[in-house]
Protein backbone atom coordinates (compact mmCIF):
# COMPACT_ATOMS: atom_id res chain seq x y z
CA UNK A 1 0.00 0.00 0.00
CA UNK A 2 1.05 3.61 -0.31
CA UNK A 3 -0.21 7.19 -0.29
CA UNK A 4 -0.11 10.21 -2.58
CA UNK A 5 -0.51 13.79 -1.37
CA UNK A 6 -1.09 16.83 -3.55
CA UNK A 7 -0.30 19.86 -1.39
CA UNK A 8 -2.13 23.14 -1.69
CA UNK A 9 0.38 25.88 -2.48
CA UNK A 10 0.47 29.69 -2.34
CA UNK A 11 3.09 32.44 -2.38
CA UNK A 12 1.64 35.18 -0.14
CA UNK A 13 4.02 37.77 -1.55
CA UNK A 14 2.99 37.20 -5.19
CA UNK A 15 -0.66 37.87 -5.94
CA UNK A 16 -0.56 36.40 -9.47
CA UNK A 17 1.85 33.53 -8.84
CA UNK A 18 1.72 30.61 -11.28
CA UNK A 19 0.99 27.47 -9.23
CA UNK A 20 2.91 25.21 -11.63
CA UNK A 21 6.01 27.37 -11.31
CA UNK A 22 5.68 27.44 -7.52
CA UNK A 23 5.31 23.66 -7.45
CA UNK A 24 8.34 23.21 -9.65
CA UNK A 25 10.30 25.43 -7.30
CA UNK A 26 9.45 23.00 -4.49
CA UNK A 27 10.85 20.04 -6.45
CA UNK A 28 14.00 21.93 -7.46
CA UNK A 29 14.51 23.35 -3.99
CA UNK A 30 14.46 19.88 -2.49
CA UNK A 31 16.86 18.67 -5.17
CA UNK A 32 19.19 21.54 -4.28
CA UNK A 33 18.93 20.65 -0.61
CA UNK A 34 19.96 17.07 -1.38
CA UNK A 35 22.84 18.25 -3.55
CA UNK A 36 24.11 20.48 -0.80
CA UNK A 37 23.85 17.87 1.92
CA UNK A 38 25.26 14.90 0.04
CA UNK A 39 27.49 16.31 -2.66
CA UNK A 40 25.29 15.00 -5.46
CA UNK A 41 21.68 14.89 -6.56
CA UNK A 42 20.27 11.93 -4.66
CA UNK A 43 17.19 11.68 -6.78
CA UNK A 44 16.55 10.78 -10.37
CA UNK A 45 14.10 11.52 -13.15
CA UNK A 46 10.87 9.62 -13.66
CA UNK A 47 10.59 6.96 -16.36
CA UNK A 48 7.18 7.17 -18.06
CA UNK A 49 7.61 4.00 -20.14
CA UNK A 50 5.23 1.81 -18.15
CA UNK A 51 2.52 4.41 -17.46
CA UNK A 52 -0.95 3.47 -18.76
CA UNK A 53 -3.47 5.96 -17.33
CA UNK A 54 -6.21 5.31 -19.90
CA UNK A 55 -6.63 1.58 -19.20
CA UNK A 56 -9.96 0.93 -17.48
CA UNK A 57 -10.42 -1.94 -15.01
CA UNK A 58 -13.80 -2.68 -16.57
CA UNK A 59 -12.06 -4.03 -19.65
CA UNK A 60 -11.46 -1.23 -22.12
CA UNK A 61 -9.04 1.51 -23.10
CA UNK A 62 -10.04 5.15 -23.56
CA UNK A 63 -8.67 6.84 -26.66
CA UNK A 64 -6.29 9.74 -26.09
CA UNK A 65 -8.49 12.09 -28.10
CA UNK A 66 -11.43 11.39 -25.79
CA UNK A 67 -9.46 11.75 -22.55
CA UNK A 68 -9.39 14.79 -20.32
CA UNK A 69 -5.93 16.45 -20.47
CA UNK A 70 -5.49 15.83 -16.74
CA UNK A 71 -5.73 12.07 -17.39
CA UNK A 72 -2.60 12.01 -19.56
CA UNK A 73 -0.20 11.37 -16.70
CA UNK A 74 2.10 9.32 -18.97
CA UNK A 75 3.51 12.52 -20.48
CA UNK A 76 6.02 14.71 -18.64
CA UNK A 77 4.75 18.24 -17.94
CA UNK A 78 6.36 21.07 -19.86
CA UNK A 79 7.17 24.63 -18.81
CA UNK A 80 7.54 27.64 -21.06
CA UNK A 81 10.95 29.27 -21.43
CA UNK A 82 9.85 32.10 -19.15
CA UNK A 83 8.71 29.67 -16.50
CA UNK A 84 11.95 27.71 -16.78
CA UNK A 85 13.90 30.90 -16.14
CA UNK A 86 11.90 31.52 -12.96
CA UNK A 87 12.40 27.99 -11.69
CA UNK A 88 16.13 27.84 -12.45
CA UNK A 89 16.77 30.46 -9.79
CA UNK A 90 15.64 28.07 -7.06
CA UNK A 91 18.56 25.74 -7.73
CA UNK A 92 21.06 28.15 -6.17
CA UNK A 93 24.09 27.68 -8.42
CA UNK A 94 23.01 24.44 -10.11
CA UNK A 95 25.49 22.09 -11.72
CA UNK A 96 26.43 22.69 -15.35
CA UNK A 97 24.23 19.84 -16.58
CA UNK A 98 21.33 20.67 -14.29
CA UNK A 99 17.91 21.14 -15.83
CA UNK A 100 14.53 22.09 -14.46
CA UNK A 101 13.26 19.12 -12.53
CA UNK A 102 9.56 18.35 -12.36
CA UNK A 103 10.07 14.79 -11.11
CA UNK A 104 12.41 13.24 -8.58
CA UNK A 105 12.68 9.68 -7.35
CA UNK A 106 14.14 9.87 -3.89
CA UNK A 107 16.52 7.74 -1.87
CA UNK A 108 13.66 6.60 0.37
CA UNK A 109 11.91 5.12 -2.67
CA UNK A 110 9.32 7.89 -2.94
CA UNK A 111 8.49 10.24 -5.81
CA UNK A 112 8.31 14.05 -5.56
CA UNK A 113 6.88 15.78 -8.62
CA UNK A 114 4.55 18.38 -10.10
CA UNK A 115 1.03 17.12 -10.71
CA UNK A 116 -1.81 19.35 -11.92
CA UNK A 117 -0.12 22.51 -10.60
CA UNK A 118 0.54 21.00 -7.17
CA UNK A 119 3.67 19.55 -5.61
CA UNK A 120 2.90 15.88 -4.98
CA UNK A 121 4.65 13.32 -2.82
CA UNK A 122 4.00 9.64 -3.54
CA UNK A 123 5.22 7.45 -0.73
CA UNK A 124 7.19 4.24 -1.29
CA UNK A 125 5.37 0.92 -1.14
CA UNK A 126 4.91 -0.51 2.36
CA UNK A 127 3.21 -3.58 3.82
CA UNK A 128 1.57 -2.20 6.96
CA UNK A 129 -0.63 0.78 7.86
CA UNK A 130 1.83 2.01 10.49
CA UNK A 131 4.63 2.13 7.93
CA UNK A 132 2.25 3.91 5.58
CA UNK A 133 1.75 6.60 8.22
CA UNK A 134 5.51 6.85 8.77
CA UNK A 135 6.45 7.34 5.11
CA UNK A 136 3.45 9.62 4.54
CA UNK A 137 4.71 11.86 7.33
CA UNK A 138 8.16 11.71 5.75
CA UNK A 139 6.64 13.44 2.74
CA UNK A 140 5.58 16.33 4.95
CA UNK A 141 9.18 16.69 6.12
CA UNK A 142 10.45 16.57 2.53
CA UNK A 143 8.28 19.50 1.45
CA UNK A 144 8.94 21.38 4.70
CA UNK A 145 12.64 21.26 3.85
CA UNK A 146 11.89 22.49 0.34
CA UNK A 147 9.87 25.41 1.74
CA UNK A 148 12.75 26.33 4.03
CA UNK A 149 15.17 26.26 1.09
CA UNK A 150 12.98 28.55 -1.00
CA UNK A 151 12.52 30.99 1.89
CA UNK A 152 16.31 31.14 2.35
CA UNK A 153 17.05 31.73 -1.35
CA UNK A 154 17.65 35.43 -2.19
CA UNK A 155 15.16 36.83 -4.66
CA UNK A 156 12.48 34.24 -3.98
CA UNK A 157 9.17 34.76 -2.27
CA UNK A 158 8.41 32.16 0.40
CA UNK A 159 5.77 29.57 -0.42
CA UNK A 160 3.35 27.94 2.00
CA UNK A 161 2.07 24.40 1.58
CA UNK A 162 -1.16 23.03 3.00
CA UNK A 163 -2.09 19.41 3.54
CA UNK A 164 -5.71 19.88 2.57
CA UNK A 165 -7.99 19.14 -0.38
CA UNK A 166 -9.71 22.33 -1.53
CA UNK A 167 -9.10 26.03 -2.00
CA UNK A 168 -12.80 26.65 -1.18
CA UNK A 169 -13.14 28.34 -4.59
CA UNK A 170 -14.41 25.28 -6.50
CA UNK A 171 -11.02 23.55 -6.85
CA UNK A 172 -10.27 20.21 -5.19
CA UNK A 173 -6.99 18.29 -5.20
CA UNK A 174 -6.33 14.79 -4.09
CA UNK A 175 -5.00 12.63 -1.34
CA UNK A 176 -4.90 9.18 -2.87
CA UNK A 177 -4.27 5.68 -1.58
CA UNK A 178 -3.02 2.66 -3.51
CA UNK A 179 -3.49 -1.00 -2.62
CA UNK A 180 -2.10 -4.06 -4.37
CA UNK A 181 -4.85 -6.65 -4.87
CA UNK A 182 -5.00 -9.93 -6.82
CA UNK A 183 -6.28 -9.58 -10.36
CA UNK A 184 -8.24 -12.79 -9.82
CA UNK A 185 -10.72 -10.85 -7.65
CA UNK A 186 -13.46 -9.51 -9.98
CA UNK A 187 -13.39 -5.73 -10.10
CA UNK A 188 -17.18 -5.55 -9.89
CA UNK A 189 -17.09 -7.34 -6.55
CA UNK A 190 -14.47 -4.89 -5.27
CA UNK A 191 -16.53 -1.89 -6.34
CA UNK A 192 -19.82 -3.16 -4.93
CA UNK A 193 -18.30 -3.92 -1.52
CA UNK A 194 -16.26 -0.74 -1.24
CA UNK A 195 -18.85 1.87 -2.21
CA UNK A 196 -20.79 1.70 1.11
CA UNK A 197 -17.52 1.52 3.01
CA UNK A 198 -16.10 4.62 1.32
CA UNK A 199 -19.37 6.53 1.67
CA UNK A 200 -19.22 6.06 5.45
CA UNK A 201 -15.55 5.79 6.45
CA UNK A 202 -15.29 9.59 6.48
CA UNK A 203 -16.65 9.44 10.02
CA UNK A 204 -13.22 8.15 11.14
CA UNK A 205 -10.91 9.80 8.61
CA UNK A 206 -12.55 12.98 7.32
CA UNK A 207 -10.34 16.07 7.57
CA UNK A 208 -13.23 18.49 8.22
CA UNK A 209 -14.20 21.56 6.23
CA UNK A 210 -15.84 24.93 6.79
CA UNK A 211 -18.46 25.43 4.10
CA UNK A 212 -20.98 23.27 2.25
CA UNK A 213 -20.98 22.63 -1.49
CA UNK A 214 -18.29 22.50 -4.15
CA UNK A 215 -18.56 26.28 -4.51
CA UNK A 216 -18.71 26.77 -0.75
CA UNK A 217 -22.19 28.17 -1.29
CA UNK A 218 -23.72 27.33 2.08
CA UNK A 219 -22.47 28.07 5.60
CA UNK A 220 -21.75 25.17 7.89
CA UNK A 221 -19.20 22.53 8.79
CA UNK A 222 -18.82 19.06 7.31
CA UNK A 223 -16.76 15.92 7.88
CA UNK A 224 -14.95 15.66 4.54
CA UNK A 225 -13.03 18.05 2.33
CA UNK A 226 -13.63 15.85 -0.72
CA UNK A 227 -17.23 14.67 -0.51
CA UNK A 228 -18.85 17.61 -2.33
CA UNK A 229 -16.59 17.11 -5.35
CA UNK A 230 -17.74 13.59 -6.26
CA UNK A 231 -20.36 13.05 -8.95
CA UNK A 232 -20.27 9.38 -9.99
CA UNK A 233 -20.18 5.94 -8.43
CA UNK A 234 -17.61 4.34 -10.78
CA UNK A 235 -15.33 5.88 -13.41
CA UNK A 236 -11.83 6.50 -14.75
CA UNK A 237 -11.57 10.24 -14.12
CA UNK A 238 -9.74 11.78 -11.15
CA UNK A 239 -10.11 15.56 -11.62
CA UNK A 240 -13.54 15.85 -13.30
CA UNK A 241 -16.71 13.80 -12.78
CA UNK A 242 -14.92 12.22 -9.85
CA UNK A 243 -16.12 8.69 -8.99
CA UNK A 244 -16.28 6.98 -5.61
CA UNK A 245 -14.51 4.00 -7.22
CA UNK A 246 -11.72 4.85 -9.66
CA UNK A 247 -11.22 2.31 -12.44
CA UNK A 248 -7.71 3.19 -13.59
CA UNK A 249 -6.03 -0.13 -14.45
CA UNK A 250 -2.38 0.76 -14.10
CA UNK A 251 -0.95 -1.97 -11.85
CA UNK A 252 2.72 -0.89 -11.66
CA UNK A 253 3.37 -4.59 -11.14
CA UNK A 254 2.96 -7.90 -12.99
CA UNK A 255 -0.31 -7.16 -14.75
CA UNK A 256 -1.38 -10.79 -15.05
CA UNK A 257 -1.19 -11.25 -11.26
CA UNK A 258 -2.06 -7.89 -9.74
CA UNK A 259 -4.17 -4.81 -10.00
CA UNK A 260 -3.57 -1.53 -8.17
CA UNK A 261 -6.67 -0.18 -6.51
CA UNK A 262 -6.33 3.59 -6.89
CA UNK A 263 -8.47 5.25 -4.20
CA UNK A 264 -9.16 8.95 -4.78
CA UNK A 265 -11.95 9.57 -2.29
CA UNK A 266 -9.93 10.03 0.91
CA UNK A 267 -9.04 13.29 2.64
CA UNK A 268 -5.48 14.38 3.40
CA UNK A 269 -4.97 13.47 7.04
CA UNK A 270 -2.64 15.10 9.53
CA UNK A 271 -3.99 12.98 12.39
CA UNK A 272 -1.88 9.85 12.53
CA UNK A 273 -4.72 7.80 13.99
CA UNK A 274 -7.11 8.79 11.19
CA UNK A 275 -4.47 8.01 8.58
CA UNK A 276 -3.62 4.70 10.24
CA UNK A 277 -7.26 3.62 10.39
CA UNK A 278 -7.98 4.85 6.88
CA UNK A 279 -5.30 2.54 5.49
CA UNK A 280 -5.67 -0.27 7.99
CA UNK A 281 -9.43 -0.67 7.74
CA UNK A 282 -9.39 -0.47 3.94
CA UNK A 283 -6.73 -3.17 3.82
CA UNK A 284 -8.87 -5.39 6.05
CA UNK A 285 -11.93 -4.84 3.88
CA UNK A 286 -9.94 -5.76 0.75
CA UNK A 287 -8.92 -9.00 2.46
CA UNK A 288 -12.56 -9.74 3.22
CA UNK A 289 -13.50 -9.06 -0.40
CA UNK A 290 -10.73 -11.37 -1.62
CA UNK A 291 -12.04 -14.17 0.62
CA UNK A 292 -15.72 -13.48 -0.18
CA UNK A 293 -16.49 -12.67 3.46
CA UNK A 294 -17.77 -9.15 3.01
CA UNK A 295 -21.22 -7.78 3.83
CA UNK A 296 -22.60 -5.58 1.08
CA UNK A 297 -25.17 -3.16 2.56
CA UNK A 298 -26.08 -1.64 -0.80
CA UNK A 299 -26.83 2.09 -0.65
CA UNK A 300 -29.68 3.39 -2.78
CA UNK A 301 -28.01 6.67 -3.85
CA UNK A 302 -24.30 6.52 -2.96
CA UNK A 303 -23.23 9.94 -4.23
CA UNK A 304 -26.08 11.75 -2.53
CA UNK A 305 -25.50 9.83 0.70
CA UNK A 306 -21.76 10.50 0.57
CA UNK A 307 -22.49 14.20 0.74
CA UNK A 308 -25.36 13.89 3.21
CA UNK A 309 -23.15 11.96 5.65
CA UNK A 310 -20.43 14.59 5.29
CA UNK A 311 -22.87 17.44 5.92
CA UNK A 312 -24.01 16.06 9.29
CA UNK A 313 -21.36 16.29 12.05
CA UNK A 314 -23.94 15.01 14.54
CA UNK A 315 -23.63 11.62 12.73
CA UNK A 316 -27.40 11.12 13.01
CA UNK A 317 -28.14 11.15 9.28
CA UNK A 318 -29.93 7.97 8.15
CA UNK A 319 -28.57 6.38 4.98
CA UNK A 320 -31.21 4.66 2.85
CA UNK A 321 -30.29 1.15 1.70
CA UNK A 322 -31.77 -0.58 -1.33
CA UNK A 323 -33.59 -3.06 0.92
CA UNK A 324 -35.47 -0.18 2.55
CA UNK A 325 -33.54 -0.04 5.82
CA UNK A 326 -32.34 3.32 7.10
CA UNK A 327 -29.13 3.22 9.12
CA UNK A 328 -26.44 5.66 10.23
CA UNK A 329 -22.93 5.80 8.81
CA UNK A 330 -21.65 4.52 12.14
CA UNK A 331 -23.92 1.48 11.86
CA UNK A 332 -22.66 0.70 8.36
CA UNK A 333 -19.08 0.94 9.61
CA UNK A 334 -20.04 -1.43 12.44
CA UNK A 335 -21.23 -3.97 9.85
CA UNK A 336 -17.81 -3.95 8.22
CA UNK A 337 -16.06 -4.04 11.60
CA UNK A 338 -18.05 -7.08 12.72
CA UNK A 339 -17.27 -8.91 9.48
CA UNK A 340 -13.56 -8.15 9.84
CA UNK A 341 -13.48 -9.18 13.49
CA UNK A 342 -15.29 -12.46 12.73
CA UNK A 343 -12.92 -13.31 9.88
CA UNK A 344 -9.83 -12.61 11.99
CA UNK A 345 -11.19 -14.62 14.93
CA UNK A 346 -11.91 -17.61 12.68
CA UNK A 347 -8.24 -17.55 11.69
CA UNK A 348 -7.20 -17.62 15.34
CA UNK A 349 -6.44 -13.90 15.57
CA UNK A 350 -4.35 -11.47 13.58
CA UNK A 351 -0.91 -9.95 13.89
CA UNK A 352 -0.29 -7.06 16.27
CA UNK A 353 -1.26 -4.31 13.83
CA UNK A 354 -4.38 -6.13 12.65
CA UNK A 355 -5.55 -6.49 16.24
CA UNK A 356 -4.66 -2.87 16.96
CA UNK A 357 -6.59 -1.60 13.92
CA UNK A 358 -9.64 -3.62 14.93
CA UNK A 359 -9.48 -2.43 18.54
CA UNK A 360 -9.02 1.23 17.59
CA UNK A 361 -11.74 1.04 14.94
CA UNK A 362 -14.24 -0.38 17.43
CA UNK A 363 -13.31 2.04 20.20
CA UNK A 364 -13.53 5.04 17.91
CA UNK A 365 -16.96 4.07 16.56
CA UNK A 366 -18.23 3.73 20.13
CA UNK A 367 -16.76 7.10 21.11
CA UNK A 368 -18.20 8.87 18.06
CA UNK A 369 -21.60 7.37 18.80
CA UNK A 370 -21.58 8.73 22.35
CA UNK A 371 -19.74 12.06 22.17
CA UNK A 372 -18.09 13.25 18.96
CA UNK A 373 -15.82 15.80 20.66
CA UNK A 374 -14.33 13.03 22.82
CA UNK A 375 -12.61 11.76 19.65
CA UNK A 376 -10.69 15.02 19.11
CA UNK A 377 -7.27 13.45 19.82
CA UNK A 378 -7.76 10.86 17.07
CA UNK A 379 -9.86 12.36 14.26
CA UNK A 380 -9.00 15.42 12.17
CA UNK A 381 -12.56 16.62 11.59
CA UNK A 382 -13.36 16.41 15.29
CA UNK A 383 -10.14 18.16 16.35
CA UNK A 384 -10.84 20.93 13.85
CA UNK A 385 -14.48 21.26 14.89
CA UNK A 386 -13.47 21.53 18.55
CA UNK A 387 -11.10 24.43 17.78
CA UNK A 388 -13.64 26.16 15.54
CA UNK A 389 -16.44 25.77 18.07
CA UNK A 390 -14.29 27.36 20.76
CA UNK A 391 -13.80 30.42 18.53
CA UNK A 392 -17.49 30.50 17.68
CA UNK A 393 -18.48 30.39 21.34
CA UNK A 394 -15.96 33.01 22.37
CA UNK A 395 -16.69 35.53 19.62
CA UNK A 396 -20.29 34.60 18.69
CA UNK A 397 -19.24 33.76 15.11
CA UNK A 398 -21.59 32.41 12.44
CA UNK A 399 -20.32 29.64 10.14
CA UNK A 400 -20.00 32.09 7.24
CA UNK A 401 -17.58 34.31 9.16
CA UNK A 402 -14.34 34.44 7.10
CA UNK A 403 -12.25 34.07 10.25
CA UNK A 404 -13.45 30.50 10.57
CA UNK A 405 -12.35 29.71 7.01
CA UNK A 406 -8.90 31.05 7.87
CA UNK A 407 -8.72 28.83 10.95
CA UNK A 408 -9.75 25.86 8.79
CA UNK A 409 -6.88 26.66 6.43
CA UNK A 410 -4.39 27.20 9.23
CA UNK A 411 -5.12 23.74 10.59
CA UNK A 412 -3.64 22.32 7.36
CA UNK A 413 -0.58 24.63 7.26
CA UNK A 414 2.34 22.20 7.38
CA UNK A 415 4.79 24.68 8.86
CA UNK A 416 5.33 23.25 12.36
CA UNK A 417 5.53 26.74 13.84
CA UNK A 418 2.26 27.91 12.24
CA UNK A 419 -0.03 24.97 11.59
CA UNK A 420 -2.82 24.47 14.12
CA UNK A 421 -2.50 20.69 13.90
CA UNK A 422 1.15 20.92 14.89
CA UNK A 423 0.31 23.22 17.78
CA UNK A 424 -2.28 20.75 19.04
CA UNK A 425 0.18 17.89 18.67
CA UNK A 426 2.89 19.80 20.56
CA UNK A 427 0.45 20.22 23.46
CA UNK A 428 -0.35 16.51 23.47
CA UNK A 429 -3.86 17.10 22.11
CA UNK A 430 -3.36 14.82 19.08
CA UNK A 431 -2.39 11.19 19.53
CA UNK A 432 0.80 10.28 17.69
CA UNK A 433 1.78 6.78 16.63
CA UNK A 434 5.20 7.33 15.05
CA UNK A 435 8.18 9.06 16.67
CA UNK A 436 9.74 12.13 15.07
CA UNK A 437 13.07 10.29 14.89
CA UNK A 438 11.52 7.44 12.90
CA UNK A 439 9.94 9.94 10.51
CA UNK A 440 13.23 11.76 9.94
CA UNK A 441 14.92 8.43 9.24
CA UNK A 442 12.18 7.60 6.72
CA UNK A 443 12.99 10.78 4.79
CA UNK A 444 16.28 9.15 3.73
CA UNK A 445 15.73 5.41 4.21
CA UNK A 446 13.38 3.22 2.15
CA UNK A 447 11.14 0.52 3.63
CA UNK A 448 13.05 -2.74 3.95
CA UNK A 449 10.31 -5.22 3.03
CA UNK A 450 9.26 -4.15 -0.50
CA UNK A 451 10.90 -3.33 -3.84
CA UNK A 452 11.12 0.28 -2.62
CA UNK A 453 14.28 -0.81 -0.80
CA UNK A 454 15.94 -1.74 -4.11
CA UNK A 455 14.79 1.47 -5.80
CA UNK A 456 15.90 3.73 -2.98
CA UNK A 457 19.27 2.02 -2.49
CA UNK A 458 20.03 2.16 -6.22
CA UNK A 459 19.38 5.90 -6.25
CA UNK A 460 21.36 6.65 -3.10
CA UNK A 461 24.24 4.26 -3.89
CA UNK A 462 24.64 5.02 -7.61
CA UNK A 463 23.16 8.49 -8.21
CA UNK A 464 25.28 9.26 -11.28
CA UNK A 465 24.56 5.99 -13.04
CA UNK A 466 20.81 5.78 -12.37
CA UNK A 467 19.29 7.96 -15.08
CA UNK A 468 15.65 7.00 -14.75
CA UNK A 469 13.29 5.16 -12.46
CA UNK A 470 9.66 4.31 -11.96
CA UNK A 471 7.69 2.04 -9.66
CA UNK A 472 8.53 -0.99 -11.78
CA UNK A 473 11.96 -0.30 -13.28
CA UNK A 474 15.38 1.24 -12.69
CA UNK A 475 17.48 2.49 -15.63
CA UNK A 476 21.28 2.50 -15.44
CA UNK A 477 23.68 4.26 -17.80
CA UNK A 478 27.03 2.48 -17.49
CA UNK A 479 30.30 3.64 -19.09
CA UNK A 480 31.06 0.18 -20.50
CA UNK A 481 27.63 -0.34 -22.03
CA UNK A 482 26.42 1.24 -25.26
CA UNK A 483 22.77 0.79 -24.27
CA UNK A 484 20.89 1.76 -21.16
CA UNK A 485 20.35 -1.11 -18.75
CA UNK A 486 16.77 -1.43 -17.56
CA UNK A 487 16.22 -3.52 -14.43
CA UNK A 488 12.59 -4.57 -14.09
CA UNK A 489 11.03 -4.48 -10.63
CA UNK A 490 7.52 -5.71 -11.36
CA UNK A 491 7.25 -7.93 -8.30
CA UNK A 492 6.46 -5.58 -5.37
CA UNK A 493 7.73 -8.01 -2.73
CA UNK A 494 11.08 -8.64 -4.44
CA UNK A 495 14.06 -6.33 -4.06
CA UNK A 496 13.72 -6.31 -0.30
CA UNK A 497 16.59 -5.79 2.12
CA UNK A 498 16.59 -9.50 2.86
CA UNK A 499 17.19 -10.26 -0.82
CA UNK A 500 19.49 -7.43 -1.90
CA UNK A 501 21.22 -5.79 1.09
CA UNK A 502 24.33 -7.98 0.78
CA UNK A 503 24.44 -7.31 -2.96
CA UNK A 504 24.57 -3.56 -2.34
CA UNK A 505 27.17 -3.96 0.40
CA UNK A 506 29.42 -6.10 -1.80
CA UNK A 507 29.32 -3.91 -4.93
CA UNK A 508 31.86 -1.09 -5.15
CA UNK A 509 30.59 0.31 -8.45
CA UNK A 510 27.37 0.43 -10.42
CA UNK A 511 29.01 -1.72 -13.12
CA UNK A 512 29.80 -4.42 -10.60
CA UNK A 513 26.36 -4.16 -9.06
CA UNK A 514 24.48 -4.57 -12.35
CA UNK A 515 26.78 -7.38 -13.48
CA UNK A 516 26.25 -9.32 -10.28
CA UNK A 517 22.53 -8.61 -10.33
CA UNK A 518 22.08 -9.91 -13.85
CA UNK A 519 24.45 -12.84 -13.81
CA UNK A 520 25.61 -13.59 -10.29
CA UNK A 521 24.17 -15.86 -7.61
CA UNK A 522 21.91 -13.13 -6.25
CA UNK A 523 18.22 -13.39 -7.23
CA UNK A 524 17.27 -11.47 -10.36
CA UNK A 525 14.88 -8.57 -9.99
CA UNK A 526 13.05 -9.54 -13.17
CA UNK A 527 9.57 -11.06 -12.75
């Protein structure tokens, strides 16, 4: 599993700033920071060879002429000459062969790039929800360091990044999740079982938002930043006509064995508990689907109910099912929880994280059912609502007061000295699951139990020879070889530390490493 975060971005000192240029400055500033700290650019360009954004899991391919421009993620973005000139200044005396970077693959196995005029961090692949939280937080540190670099560069206006999902002016940007699932599981079964789950899981992982409607046309507070921007149940799009279930069939793995479930409906979480449960519960539900143990409480009008649940912080809204029952979002979540608990118990119990996810899930649903504000230490939307309500009570503010919108935004400010989330966390008012030291280590180190280890170690060990990378390949340019050497990494659980750590330790050069990898006793990375 893994996460993707598109950060909101502004430059307060530039009223007409181009968001794409600002985002590119973030990527180049982080590259410059790595160059300065390590003597080289520990990061490499993205290889688009295996991208297939127009393949649909329902069995067809959309033609490029019919696709929305935002769907064409298999093409590198391009800046104008004027924009390039603006970005080049962020490099701070770049190397002679330096170019404007809009993509970096990092030594921790992650990707930092410009996506739809936002800086985006895609975490490396991990195998547990706690590791997902750790490397997701590492992305926040990465962009914090880039912000600091820009602010310290003469001639540049500081930029501010927000871990949120809307500018409250009709624009929404994503916080996505990705899960590796067997291709043998019918996609229709996945969609049917997940729609009610996704409609209701916002009660435990919504980020909270001041304002109702995609255009922020009504005053109020709601659970989710994303709910008002969804229009369909199932579809391929991600930036228009957004669907609850995204059908992009781009596995980034052995296509015959796996599919990648690309989840676009989640909010960007700062709360570690919300993030942990978002990923952990979804993983459990996917396991239930795979084993045909899932309840499917079919919702009559999923899109309408998605928004109705979000618009009711009291959590009393009754969702209408196709069988005529009317139940709350909490009750639907309890159905999934009971199914997961029963399945785990039948197997004799789960591992420590599985048991922890189940226990936290159950406890949180009980707490939310009794007293929403009692969940403020665990859930973003509740923590935000508690702060906002205190201001409303103190100053007699209505929900349409612009000061409340500013507080909403400040909650998502990822500057530790300014962001309200960070202030709450510093006072012990947000529960944290991962230590700051572990997060800082994850900024540089890849996970050890997936192919991300191989990717990250290649980039950090041989930065000059690795000229391209993607989720499923590494490209070497070696002095003795006339052609580029592409190493396939299509098996997500190969390339782990257990399989390749000794190979890295015993290779003095990239030439020796590739030679031993391809012909030595070490296991090949090819599928």
